[in-house]
Protein backbone atom coordinates (compact mmCIF):
# COMPACT_ATOMS: atom_id res chain seq x y z
CA UNK A 1 -87.86 201.31 155.05
CA UNK A 2 -83.84 201.37 156.20
CA UNK A 3 -82.28 199.07 158.46
CA UNK A 4 -81.20 202.56 160.22
CA UNK A 5 -85.50 204.07 160.44
CA UNK A 6 -86.42 200.69 161.00
CA UNK A 7 -83.93 200.10 164.37
CA UNK A 8 -84.84 203.68 165.35
CA UNK A 9 -88.35 202.99 165.26
CA UNK A 10 -87.92 199.68 167.20
CA UNK A 11 -85.66 201.63 169.90
CA UNK A 12 -88.13 203.99 170.40
CA UNK A 13 -91.05 201.50 170.96
CA UNK A 14 -88.90 199.94 173.50
CA UNK A 15 -88.25 202.56 175.41
CA UNK A 16 -92.04 203.25 175.55
CA UNK A 17 -92.74 199.77 176.67
CA UNK A 18 -89.68 199.72 178.69
CA UNK A 19 -90.86 202.90 180.62
CA UNK A 20 -93.64 200.65 181.84
CA UNK A 21 -90.79 198.50 184.14
CA UNK A 22 -89.37 202.14 185.21
CA UNK A 23 -86.07 200.67 183.42
CA UNK A 24 -83.01 201.79 185.10
CA UNK A 25 -80.56 199.43 183.61
CA UNK A 26 -80.68 197.60 180.03
CA UNK A 27 -78.79 194.64 179.16
CA UNK A 28 -78.97 192.61 175.73
CA UNK A 29 -78.54 189.04 174.79
CA UNK A 30 -77.68 187.96 171.40
CA UNK A 31 -77.66 184.42 170.09
CA UNK A 32 -78.80 182.43 166.84
CA UNK A 33 -81.03 179.58 167.03
CA UNK A 34 -79.52 177.83 163.46
CA UNK A 35 -78.89 174.55 164.36
CA UNK A 36 -79.25 174.69 167.76
CA UNK A 37 -81.45 172.25 170.15
CA UNK A 38 -85.03 171.60 169.68
CA UNK A 39 -87.95 171.33 172.36
CA UNK A 40 -91.80 171.75 171.64
CA UNK A 41 -92.87 174.67 172.44
CA UNK A 42 -95.60 176.24 174.81
CA UNK A 43 -98.59 178.26 172.87
CA UNK A 44 -97.94 181.70 174.29
CA UNK A 45 -100.66 181.86 176.66
CA UNK A 46 -98.85 178.77 178.51
CA UNK A 47 -102.15 176.57 178.42
CA UNK A 48 -100.57 174.05 176.69
CA UNK A 49 -98.35 172.59 173.67
CA UNK A 50 -98.67 173.96 170.46
CA UNK A 51 -99.63 171.95 167.55
CA UNK A 52 -97.66 173.82 165.04
CA UNK A 53 -95.04 174.42 167.34
CA UNK A 54 -92.60 171.24 167.47
CA UNK A 55 -89.36 170.52 166.87
CA UNK A 56 -88.55 174.24 166.61
CA UNK A 57 -84.93 175.55 167.36
CA UNK A 58 -84.41 177.65 170.61
CA UNK A 59 -81.82 179.20 172.87
CA UNK A 60 -81.64 179.55 176.38
CA UNK A 61 -80.00 182.14 178.71
CA UNK A 62 -79.65 181.93 182.13
CA UNK A 63 -79.70 184.44 184.43
CA UNK A 64 -80.40 186.51 187.50
CA UNK A 65 -81.14 190.34 188.66
CA UNK A 66 -79.58 192.63 191.22
CA UNK A 67 -82.78 194.07 192.10
CA UNK A 68 -86.12 193.29 192.80
CA UNK A 69 -88.95 194.87 190.30
CA UNK A 70 -90.45 195.38 187.01
CA UNK A 71 -88.09 194.45 183.89
CA UNK A 72 -89.35 194.74 180.03
CA UNK A 73 -87.83 191.99 177.76
CA UNK A 74 -88.00 192.96 174.07
CA UNK A 75 -87.00 189.96 171.39
CA UNK A 76 -86.05 191.15 167.72
CA UNK A 77 -85.38 188.83 165.20
CA UNK A 78 -84.73 187.75 161.70
CA UNK A 79 -87.62 185.19 161.98
CA UNK A 80 -90.94 184.90 163.60
CA UNK A 81 -90.40 184.30 167.63
CA UNK A 82 -91.71 184.19 170.82
CA UNK A 83 -90.08 184.37 173.90
CA UNK A 84 -90.85 182.71 177.27
CA UNK A 85 -89.72 183.11 180.59
CA UNK A 86 -88.87 180.22 183.05
CA UNK A 87 -88.02 180.20 186.81
CA UNK A 88 -85.55 178.01 188.63
CA UNK A 89 -85.21 176.52 185.71
CA UNK A 90 -86.08 175.03 182.14
CA UNK A 91 -86.22 171.69 181.13
CA UNK A 92 -86.88 171.16 176.83
CA UNK A 93 -88.63 167.90 177.62
CA UNK A 94 -91.11 169.54 179.84
CA UNK A 95 -91.40 173.17 178.50
CA UNK A 96 -94.41 173.81 180.48
CA UNK A 97 -92.73 173.39 183.67
CA UNK A 98 -91.87 176.46 185.69
CA UNK A 99 -93.07 178.71 183.19
CA UNK A 100 -93.70 181.64 183.77
CA UNK A 101 -94.49 184.37 181.14
CA UNK A 102 -94.93 183.81 177.16
CA UNK A 103 -94.98 186.06 174.08
CA UNK A 104 -95.96 186.27 170.34
CA UNK A 105 -95.92 188.85 168.34
CA UNK A 106 -95.41 192.02 170.63
CA UNK A 107 -94.67 194.71 167.69
CA UNK A 108 -95.20 192.36 164.77
CA UNK A 109 -93.98 188.82 163.64
CA UNK A 110 -90.61 189.05 164.34
CA UNK A 111 -90.78 190.75 168.30
CA UNK A 112 -91.79 189.79 171.55
CA UNK A 113 -91.63 190.54 174.93
CA UNK A 114 -93.48 190.92 178.03
CA UNK A 115 -93.05 193.19 181.25
CA UNK A 116 -92.03 191.00 184.73
CA UNK A 117 -91.96 191.22 188.26
CA UNK A 118 -88.39 189.57 189.24
CA UNK A 119 -86.59 188.72 192.89
CA UNK A 120 -83.53 189.83 193.65
CA UNK A 121 -81.22 186.91 193.59
CA UNK A 122 -83.65 184.22 191.81
CA UNK A 123 -83.16 182.46 188.50
CA UNK A 124 -84.96 182.92 185.42
CA UNK A 125 -84.16 181.42 182.24
CA UNK A 126 -85.21 183.27 178.98
CA UNK A 127 -86.72 181.19 176.07
CA UNK A 128 -86.27 182.21 172.98
CA UNK A 129 -87.38 180.00 170.00
CA UNK A 130 -89.94 180.10 166.58
CA UNK A 131 -93.31 180.09 165.91
CA UNK A 132 -92.58 176.64 163.84
CA UNK A 133 -89.74 174.52 162.92
CA UNK A 134 -88.50 176.52 159.93
CA UNK A 135 -88.12 179.56 162.06
CA UNK A 136 -85.12 179.88 163.04
CA UNK A 137 -82.19 182.58 162.71
CA UNK A 138 -80.26 185.49 164.46
CA UNK A 139 -81.93 187.18 167.54
CA UNK A 140 -81.43 190.28 170.17
CA UNK A 141 -83.35 190.75 173.36
CA UNK A 142 -83.17 193.84 175.62
CA UNK A 143 -84.35 193.69 179.40
CA UNK A 144 -84.65 196.91 180.94
CA UNK A 145 -84.85 196.97 185.06
CA UNK A 146 -84.03 198.53 187.85
CA UNK A 147 -81.16 196.27 188.33
CA UNK A 148 -78.23 194.80 186.79
CA UNK A 149 -78.72 191.45 184.75
CA UNK A 150 -76.41 189.02 185.31
CA UNK A 151 -75.89 185.96 182.76
CA UNK A 152 -74.69 182.72 183.53
CA UNK A 153 -72.66 180.85 181.27
CA UNK A 154 -74.76 177.80 179.79
CA UNK A 155 -72.47 175.12 177.66
CA UNK A 156 -73.71 173.70 174.83
CA UNK A 157 -73.86 170.11 174.29
CA UNK A 158 -71.41 170.08 172.18
CA UNK A 159 -69.15 171.46 175.39
CA UNK A 160 -70.29 168.25 177.36
CA UNK A 161 -69.44 166.11 174.14
CA UNK A 162 -65.42 167.64 174.08
CA UNK A 163 -65.41 167.72 177.96
CA UNK A 164 -66.42 163.55 177.76
CA UNK A 165 -64.01 163.00 174.93
CA UNK A 166 -60.99 164.78 176.81
CA UNK A 167 -62.10 162.80 179.66
CA UNK A 168 -61.65 159.90 177.86
CA UNK A 169 -58.69 160.17 176.23
CA UNK A 170 -56.97 161.34 179.88
CA UNK A 171 -58.52 157.88 181.26
CA UNK A 172 -56.80 156.12 178.42
CA UNK A 173 -53.33 157.75 178.60
CA UNK A 174 -53.20 157.15 182.28
CA UNK A 175 -54.33 153.34 181.69
CA UNK A 176 -51.81 153.12 179.01
CA UNK A 177 -49.18 154.43 181.20
CA UNK A 178 -50.28 152.20 184.14
CA UNK A 179 -49.72 149.25 182.05
CA UNK A 180 -46.16 150.32 180.68
CA UNK A 181 -44.95 150.62 184.33
CA UNK A 182 -46.22 147.02 185.26
CA UNK A 183 -44.71 145.86 182.17
């Protein structure tokens, strides 16, 4: 099947899926779980942790919506993907806490999604992950609903490490400057 035909079929499936949420606004989020942080993921129905979904890579996207209502989520990936929704926060060391909904294999193994009723101004976290530890790669999630979706920037761990290193260098420079003044 050509890539164009596959993309067209997925788009049609999404719009049929999104019509249940009466989508007025559509937002797309992309990412890549290759080399990303890992966690032990829940099972799709959130009844516990997966026995085979341990140490799986994930991406997380924190967002709010501008209007309450039903929102549809459709993730397509280059791997066997799962999508989970949390509110108001997500803690990878406690992946069942705050979990609202999850899905695996919506239209096939490389798609996942769901419809969820969201409240305006509430913080939500969308987590995209793989079925097993070797399932990772590029993904795209389309969100449709009655309001605008605002994604918050979530710094990567490397950003925190660079910030800490920079503060350390500034501190050393300041200390050295003070020691030169007193000498």
